[in-house]
Amino acid sequence: MVLDNIVIQEGDANRIDVALAVGHFVAGRVVDGEGAPVAGVEVGTRGGFVARTKQDGSYRLGPFQLGERETVSAWSAQLGSSRSQDVAAPYDGLVLELRRLAILGRVVDATTGAPVRKYHLTVFDRGKEREHRIEAEDGTFRVEADIEAYRILVHAPGYARWHENLHVGFGGEYDLGEIVLGRGRSVMGRVVDARTGASIAGRLYRVGW
């Protein structure tokens, strides 16, 4: 789609011809881990096009300009999500396979080896943050995640934050083993005016990790 500004002055009677290009589409099917078609699943692009699969798992997205590139993926609350595929329109026969991913592990204290029973776990995927509040006597967790999850963060009161980049496969389970949390330390100081040296109150400051 090409947009241009058209300015019409009062009293103008000019004729404007608008030429519309033929649209092109991206089409294919969504299947589960066994290769069976999945109906009623949302398929979308990063550009905002969304379609829902038919009974045979087929979908059609567009229209796009000739050669326009889009990133396409499918997702289902029950069956998981597909990997993102980058294609150029027109494209026919793009198969998106839905898979579930489970991330599991156990969180323990670095000094005692005892399980940390309460903590927050955040999984980062496709630009989103999914936070889980975990309460487990043995410190274990198992959370469902997008197959394009790329980072995990664990934090608990009194402990330093733990984070790690993920290198997940295509679906299945990703076992992080034992996650060891050390006791956190505080950073203390005073904020002052550069010119007068007077203390500055009522300000919020953030320390990155």
C-alpha atoms as a PDB file:
ATOM      1  CA  MET A   1       0.000   0.000   0.000  1.00  0.00           C
ATOM      2  CA  VAL A   2       1.378   3.438  -0.977  1.00  0.00           C
ATOM      3  CA  LEU A   3       0.092   6.534   0.758  1.00  0.00           C
ATOM      4  CA  ASP A   4       0.508  10.084  -0.499  1.00  0.00           C
ATOM      5  CA  ASN A   5      -0.842  13.414   0.669  1.00  0.00           C
ATOM      6  CA  ILE A   6      -3.325  15.114  -1.640  1.00  0.00           C
ATOM      7  CA  VAL A   7      -3.958  18.823  -1.035  1.00  0.00           C
ATOM      8  CA  ILE A   8      -7.117  20.314  -2.580  1.00  0.00           C
ATOM      9  CA  GLN A   9      -7.442  24.078  -2.465  1.00  0.00           C
ATOM     10  CA  GLU A  10     -10.823  25.814  -2.296  1.00  0.00           C
ATOM     11  CA  GLY A  11     -12.317  26.146  -5.756  1.00  0.00           C
ATOM     12  CA  ASP A  12     -10.125  23.413  -7.304  1.00  0.00           C
ATOM     13  CA  ALA A  13     -11.859  21.079  -9.733  1.00  0.00           C
ATOM     14  CA  ASN A  14      -8.898  18.860 -10.635  1.00  0.00           C
ATOM     15  CA  ARG A  15      -9.410  15.210 -11.484  1.00  0.00           C
ATOM     16  CA  ILE A  16      -7.301  12.754  -9.511  1.00  0.00           C
ATOM     17  CA  ASP A  17      -6.781   9.212 -10.807  1.00  0.00           C
ATOM     18  CA  VAL A  18      -6.002   6.606  -8.141  1.00  0.00           C
ATOM     19  CA  ALA A  19      -4.407   3.366  -9.372  1.00  0.00           C
ATOM     20  CA  LEU A  20      -4.769   0.325  -7.124  1.00  0.00           C
ATOM     21  CA  ALA A  21      -2.249  -2.501  -7.463  1.00  0.00           C
ATOM     22  CA  VAL A  22      -3.397  -6.120  -7.433  1.00  0.00           C
ATOM     23  CA  GLY A  23      -3.005  -7.620  -3.955  1.00  0.00           C
ATOM     24  CA  HIS A  24      -0.984 -10.762  -3.225  1.00  0.00           C
ATOM     25  CA  PHE A  25      -1.524 -13.314  -0.470  1.00  0.00           C
ATOM     26  CA  VAL A  26       0.272 -15.687   1.858  1.00  0.00           C
ATOM     27  CA  ALA A  27      -1.527 -19.013   2.246  1.00  0.00           C
ATOM     28  CA  GLY A  28      -0.922 -22.405   3.789  1.00  0.00           C
ATOM     29  CA  ARG A  29      -1.986 -24.800   6.534  1.00  0.00           C
ATOM     30  CA  VAL A  30      -1.635 -25.175  10.294  1.00  0.00           C
ATOM     31  CA  VAL A  31      -0.938 -28.679  11.648  1.00  0.00           C
ATOM     32  CA  ASP A  32      -0.297 -30.239  15.055  1.00  0.00           C
ATOM     33  CA  GLY A  33       2.757 -32.240  16.110  1.00  0.00           C
ATOM     34  CA  GLU A  34       1.377 -35.311  14.311  1.00  0.00           C
ATOM     35  CA  GLY A  35       0.814 -33.458  11.050  1.00  0.00           C
ATOM     36  CA  ALA A  36      -2.987 -33.354  11.401  1.00  0.00           C
ATOM     37  CA  PRO A  37      -4.762 -30.131  10.287  1.00  0.00           C
ATOM     38  CA  VAL A  38      -5.972 -27.819  13.062  1.00  0.00           C
ATOM     39  CA  ALA A  39      -9.152 -25.753  12.649  1.00  0.00           C
ATOM     40  CA  GLY A  40     -10.048 -22.498  14.400  1.00  0.00           C
ATOM     41  CA  VAL A  41      -6.464 -21.412  15.062  1.00  0.00           C
ATOM     42  CA  GLU A  42      -5.350 -17.790  14.706  1.00  0.00           C
ATOM     43  CA  VAL A  43      -2.602 -17.056  12.185  1.00  0.00           C
ATOM     44  CA  GLY A  44      -1.121 -13.585  12.081  1.00  0.00           C
ATOM     45  CA  THR A  45       1.678 -11.349  10.868  1.00  0.00           C
ATOM     46  CA  ARG A  46       3.707  -8.717  12.646  1.00  0.00           C
ATOM     47  CA  GLY A  47       2.119  -6.213  10.298  1.00  0.00           C
ATOM     48  CA  GLY A  48      -1.310  -6.839  11.815  1.00  0.00           C
ATOM     49  CA  PHE A  49      -3.011  -9.254   9.394  1.00  0.00           C
ATOM     50  CA  VAL A  50      -4.949 -12.005  11.196  1.00  0.00           C
ATOM     51  CA  ALA A  51      -6.861 -15.016   9.865  1.00  0.00           C
ATOM     52  CA  ARG A  52      -8.461 -18.118  11.376  1.00  0.00           C
ATOM     53  CA  THR A  53      -7.906 -21.581   9.955  1.00  0.00           C
ATOM     54  CA  LYS A  54     -10.713 -23.515   8.278  1.00  0.00           C
ATOM     55  CA  GLN A  55     -11.686 -27.137   8.926  1.00  0.00           C
ATOM     56  CA  ASP A  56      -8.817 -28.394   6.768  1.00  0.00           C
ATOM     57  CA  GLY A  57      -6.334 -26.174   8.624  1.00  0.00           C
ATOM     58  CA  SER A  58      -5.969 -23.769   5.695  1.00  0.00           C
ATOM     59  CA  TYR A  59      -5.558 -19.998   6.004  1.00  0.00           C
ATOM     60  CA  ARG A  60      -5.046 -16.969   3.734  1.00  0.00           C
ATOM     61  CA  LEU A  61      -3.469 -13.665   4.757  1.00  0.00           C
ATOM     62  CA  GLY A  62      -3.343 -10.391   2.859  1.00  0.00           C
ATOM     63  CA  PRO A  63      -3.515  -8.617   0.543  1.00  0.00           C
ATOM     64  CA  PHE A  64       0.160  -7.558   0.369  1.00  0.00           C
ATOM     65  CA  GLN A  65       2.224  -5.758  -2.212  1.00  0.00           C
ATOM     66  CA  LEU A  66       4.234  -7.891  -4.610  1.00  0.00           C
ATOM     67  CA  GLY A  67       7.434  -8.988  -2.846  1.00  0.00           C
ATOM     68  CA  GLU A  68       6.372  -7.537   0.513  1.00  0.00           C
ATOM     69  CA  ARG A  69       7.982  -9.514   3.348  1.00  0.00           C
ATOM     70  CA  GLU A  70       6.038 -10.551   6.430  1.00  0.00           C
ATOM     71  CA  THR A  71       6.665 -12.691   9.506  1.00  0.00           C
ATOM     72  CA  VAL A  72       3.904 -15.263   9.960  1.00  0.00           C
ATOM     73  CA  SER A  73       3.087 -17.434  12.986  1.00  0.00           C
ATOM     74  CA  ALA A  74       0.173 -19.352  14.497  1.00  0.00           C
ATOM     75  CA  TRP A  75      -0.905 -19.812  18.108  1.00  0.00           C
ATOM     76  CA  SER A  76      -3.428 -21.824  20.081  1.00  0.00           C
ATOM     77  CA  ALA A  77      -4.190 -21.836  23.800  1.00  0.00           C
ATOM     78  CA  GLN A  78      -4.576 -25.623  23.718  1.00  0.00           C
ATOM     79  CA  LEU A  79      -1.867 -26.733  21.274  1.00  0.00           C
ATOM     80  CA  GLY A  80       0.860 -24.113  21.682  1.00  0.00           C
ATOM     81  CA  SER A  81       2.451 -22.001  18.977  1.00  0.00           C
ATOM     82  CA  SER A  82       4.486 -22.252  15.786  1.00  0.00           C
ATOM     83  CA  ARG A  83       7.865 -20.847  14.942  1.00  0.00           C
ATOM     84  CA  SER A  84       7.769 -17.533  13.082  1.00  0.00           C
ATOM     85  CA  GLN A  85       8.368 -17.789   9.339  1.00  0.00           C
ATOM     86  CA  ASP A  86       9.603 -14.915   7.190  1.00  0.00           C
ATOM     87  CA  VAL A  87       8.172 -15.014   3.639  1.00  0.00           C
ATOM     88  CA  ALA A  88       7.605 -12.719   0.665  1.00  0.00           C
ATOM     89  CA  ALA A  89       4.167 -12.346  -0.969  1.00  0.00           C
ATOM     90  CA  PRO A  90       2.827 -14.115  -2.863  1.00  0.00           C
ATOM     91  CA  TYR A  91       3.517 -17.388  -1.062  1.00  0.00           C
ATOM     92  CA  ASP A  92       1.425 -20.540  -1.158  1.00  0.00           C
ATOM     93  CA  GLY A  93       1.927 -23.694   0.906  1.00  0.00           C
ATOM     94  CA  LEU A  94       3.392 -22.267   4.132  1.00  0.00           C
ATOM     95  CA  VAL A  95       2.927 -24.980   6.778  1.00  0.00           C
ATOM     96  CA  LEU A  96       2.961 -23.867  10.431  1.00  0.00           C
ATOM     97  CA  GLU A  97       3.355 -26.636  13.011  1.00  0.00           C
ATOM     98  CA  LEU A  98       2.017 -26.082  16.531  1.00  0.00           C
ATOM     99  CA  ARG A  99       4.133 -27.303  19.439  1.00  0.00           C
ATOM    100  CA  ARG A 100       4.041 -26.858  23.197  1.00  0.00           C
ATOM    101  CA  LEU A 101       7.091 -26.037  25.294  1.00  0.00           C
ATOM    102  CA  ALA A 102       7.463 -26.705  29.024  1.00  0.00           C
ATOM    103  CA  ILE A 103      10.287 -25.091  30.996  1.00  0.00           C
ATOM    104  CA  LEU A 104      11.117 -26.804  34.297  1.00  0.00           C
ATOM    105  CA  GLY A 105      13.688 -26.684  37.050  1.00  0.00           C
ATOM    106  CA  ARG A 106      14.298 -26.297  40.780  1.00  0.00           C
ATOM    107  CA  VAL A 107      15.347 -23.167  42.707  1.00  0.00           C
ATOM    108  CA  VAL A 108      17.646 -23.568  45.727  1.00  0.00           C
ATOM    109  CA  ASP A 109      19.565 -21.427  48.217  1.00  0.00           C
ATOM    110  CA  ALA A 110      23.271 -21.056  47.324  1.00  0.00           C
ATOM    111  CA  THR A 111      24.466 -21.410  50.916  1.00  0.00           C
ATOM    112  CA  THR A 112      22.254 -24.107  52.400  1.00  0.00           C
ATOM    113  CA  GLY A 113      21.059 -25.952  49.310  1.00  0.00           C
ATOM    114  CA  ALA A 114      17.530 -25.743  50.700  1.00  0.00           C
ATOM    115  CA  PRO A 115      14.689 -25.150  48.247  1.00  0.00           C
ATOM    116  CA  VAL A 116      13.453 -21.589  47.738  1.00  0.00           C
ATOM    117  CA  ARG A 117       9.720 -22.050  48.214  1.00  0.00           C
ATOM    118  CA  LYS A 118       8.365 -18.729  46.946  1.00  0.00           C
ATOM    119  CA  TYR A 119       9.666 -16.783  43.962  1.00  0.00           C
ATOM    120  CA  HIS A 120       8.705 -15.078  40.713  1.00  0.00           C
ATOM    121  CA  LEU A 121       9.703 -16.487  37.337  1.00  0.00           C
ATOM    122  CA  THR A 122       9.480 -14.401  34.150  1.00  0.00           C
ATOM    123  CA  VAL A 123       9.795 -15.828  30.644  1.00  0.00           C
ATOM    124  CA  PHE A 124      10.558 -13.480  27.727  1.00  0.00           C
ATOM    125  CA  ASP A 125       9.306 -14.388  24.248  1.00  0.00           C
ATOM    126  CA  ARG A 126       8.401 -12.515  21.035  1.00  0.00           C
ATOM    127  CA  GLY A 127       8.798  -9.180  22.828  1.00  0.00           C
ATOM    128  CA  LYS A 128       6.489 -10.162  25.705  1.00  0.00           C
ATOM    129  CA  GLU A 129       7.039 -10.859  29.391  1.00  0.00           C
ATOM    130  CA  ARG A 130       5.089 -13.688  31.042  1.00  0.00           C
ATOM    131  CA  GLU A 131       5.413 -13.680  34.832  1.00  0.00           C
ATOM    132  CA  HIS A 132       4.604 -16.683  37.021  1.00  0.00           C
ATOM    133  CA  ARG A 133       4.295 -16.677  40.804  1.00  0.00           C
ATOM    134  CA  ILE A 134       5.693 -19.972  42.090  1.00  0.00           C
ATOM    135  CA  GLU A 135       4.991 -21.545  45.472  1.00  0.00           C
ATOM    136  CA  ALA A 136       6.409 -25.051  45.900  1.00  0.00           C
ATOM    137  CA  GLU A 137       7.731 -26.810  49.009  1.00  0.00           C
ATOM    138  CA  ASP A 138      10.517 -28.478  47.020  1.00  0.00           C
ATOM    139  CA  GLY A 139      11.330 -25.332  44.984  1.00  0.00           C
ATOM    140  CA  THR A 140      10.397 -26.937  41.657  1.00  0.00           C
ATOM    141  CA  PHE A 141       8.559 -25.283  38.779  1.00  0.00           C
ATOM    142  CA  ARG A 142       7.096 -26.241  35.436  1.00  0.00           C
ATOM    143  CA  VAL A 143       5.609 -23.527  33.216  1.00  0.00           C
ATOM    144  CA  GLU A 144       4.183 -23.554  29.709  1.00  0.00           C
ATOM    145  CA  ALA A 145       5.997 -21.184  27.354  1.00  0.00           C
ATOM    146  CA  ASP A 146       6.084 -20.023  23.765  1.00  0.00           C
ATOM    147  CA  ILE A 147       8.505 -22.084  21.652  1.00  0.00           C
ATOM    148  CA  GLU A 148      10.351 -18.849  20.837  1.00  0.00           C
ATOM    149  CA  ALA A 149      11.111 -18.124  24.493  1.00  0.00           C
ATOM    150  CA  TYR A 150      14.632 -16.698  24.665  1.00  0.00           C
ATOM    151  CA  ARG A 151      15.247 -15.587  28.260  1.00  0.00           C
ATOM    152  CA  ILE A 152      14.219 -16.440  31.817  1.00  0.00           C
ATOM    153  CA  LEU A 153      14.453 -14.393  35.011  1.00  0.00           C
ATOM    154  CA  VAL A 154      14.024 -15.674  38.580  1.00  0.00           C
ATOM    155  CA  HIS A 155      13.815 -13.417  41.616  1.00  0.00           C
ATOM    156  CA  ALA A 156      12.844 -13.973  45.239  1.00  0.00           C
ATOM    157  CA  PRO A 157      12.761 -11.649  48.291  1.00  0.00           C
ATOM    158  CA  GLY A 158      16.207 -11.341  49.835  1.00  0.00           C
ATOM    159  CA  TYR A 159      18.016 -12.964  46.896  1.00  0.00           C
ATOM    160  CA  ALA A 160      19.949 -11.585  43.951  1.00  0.00           C
ATOM    161  CA  ARG A 161      18.194 -11.979  40.606  1.00  0.00           C
ATOM    162  CA  TRP A 162      19.137 -14.892  38.351  1.00  0.00           C
ATOM    163  CA  HIS A 163      18.723 -14.759  34.588  1.00  0.00           C
ATOM    164  CA  GLU A 164      19.817 -16.812  31.614  1.00  0.00           C
ATOM    165  CA  ASN A 165      19.370 -16.866  27.856  1.00  0.00           C
ATOM    166  CA  LEU A 166      17.450 -19.896  26.599  1.00  0.00           C
ATOM    167  CA  HIS A 167      18.398 -22.086  23.664  1.00  0.00           C
ATOM    168  CA  VAL A 168      15.257 -24.138  23.296  1.00  0.00           C
ATOM    169  CA  GLY A 169      14.515 -26.818  20.745  1.00  0.00           C
ATOM    170  CA  PHE A 170      11.240 -27.227  18.926  1.00  0.00           C
ATOM    171  CA  GLY A 171       8.684 -28.060  21.591  1.00  0.00           C
ATOM    172  CA  GLY A 172       8.937 -30.661  24.343  1.00  0.00           C
ATOM    173  CA  GLU A 173      10.619 -29.991  27.686  1.00  0.00           C
ATOM    174  CA  TYR A 174      13.511 -27.684  28.528  1.00  0.00           C
ATOM    175  CA  ASP A 175      15.043 -28.652  31.872  1.00  0.00           C
ATOM    176  CA  LEU A 176      17.132 -25.951  33.538  1.00  0.00           C
ATOM    177  CA  GLY A 177      18.143 -28.246  36.391  1.00  0.00           C
ATOM    178  CA  GLU A 178      18.999 -26.478  39.658  1.00  0.00           C
ATOM    179  CA  ILE A 179      18.880 -22.700  39.708  1.00  0.00           C
ATOM    180  CA  VAL A 180      21.055 -21.450  42.564  1.00  0.00           C
ATOM    181  CA  LEU A 181      20.130 -18.108  44.153  1.00  0.00           C
ATOM    182  CA  GLY A 182      22.639 -16.215  46.277  1.00  0.00           C
ATOM    183  CA  ARG A 183      21.671 -13.758  48.950  1.00  0.00           C
ATOM    184  CA  GLY A 184      21.416 -10.276  47.508  1.00  0.00           C
ATOM    185  CA  ARG A 185      23.334  -7.217  48.654  1.00  0.00           C
ATOM    186  CA  SER A 186      22.035  -3.675  48.915  1.00  0.00           C
ATOM    187  CA  VAL A 187      23.299  -0.608  47.104  1.00  0.00           C
ATOM    188  CA  MET A 188      23.043   2.500  49.252  1.00  0.00           C
ATOM    189  CA  GLY A 189      23.914   6.093  48.569  1.00  0.00           C
ATOM    190  CA  ARG A 190      22.692   9.672  48.468  1.00  0.00           C
ATOM    191  CA  VAL A 191      21.533  11.790  45.522  1.00  0.00           C
ATOM    192  CA  VAL A 192      22.613  15.431  45.633  1.00  0.00           C
ATOM    193  CA  ASP A 193      22.379  18.529  43.482  1.00  0.00           C
ATOM    194  CA  ALA A 194      25.559  18.908  41.369  1.00  0.00           C
ATOM    195  CA  ARG A 195      25.773  22.649  42.034  1.00  0.00           C
ATOM    196  CA  THR A 196      24.750  23.038  45.663  1.00  0.00           C
ATOM    197  CA  GLY A 197      25.418  19.592  47.124  1.00  0.00           C
ATOM    198  CA  ALA A 198      21.944  19.614  48.691  1.00  0.00           C
ATOM    199  CA  SER A 199      20.128  16.292  49.018  1.00  0.00           C
ATOM    200  CA  ILE A 200      17.351  15.595  46.491  1.00  0.00           C
ATOM    201  CA  ALA A 201      14.273  13.897  47.906  1.00  0.00           C
ATOM    202  CA  GLY A 202      11.229  12.361  46.267  1.00  0.00           C
ATOM    203  CA  ARG A 203      12.944  10.889  43.210  1.00  0.00           C
ATOM    204  CA  LEU A 204      12.700   7.330  41.857  1.00  0.00           C
ATOM    205  CA  TYR A 205      15.863   5.680  40.555  1.00  0.00           C
ATOM    206  CA  ARG A 206      16.371   2.366  38.786  1.00  0.00           C
ATOM    207  CA  VAL A 207      19.409   0.091  38.750  1.00  0.00           C
ATOM    208  CA  GLY A 208      19.640  -2.131  35.681  1.00  0.00           C
ATOM    209  CA  TRP A 209      20.463  -5.823  35.682  1.00  0.00           C
END
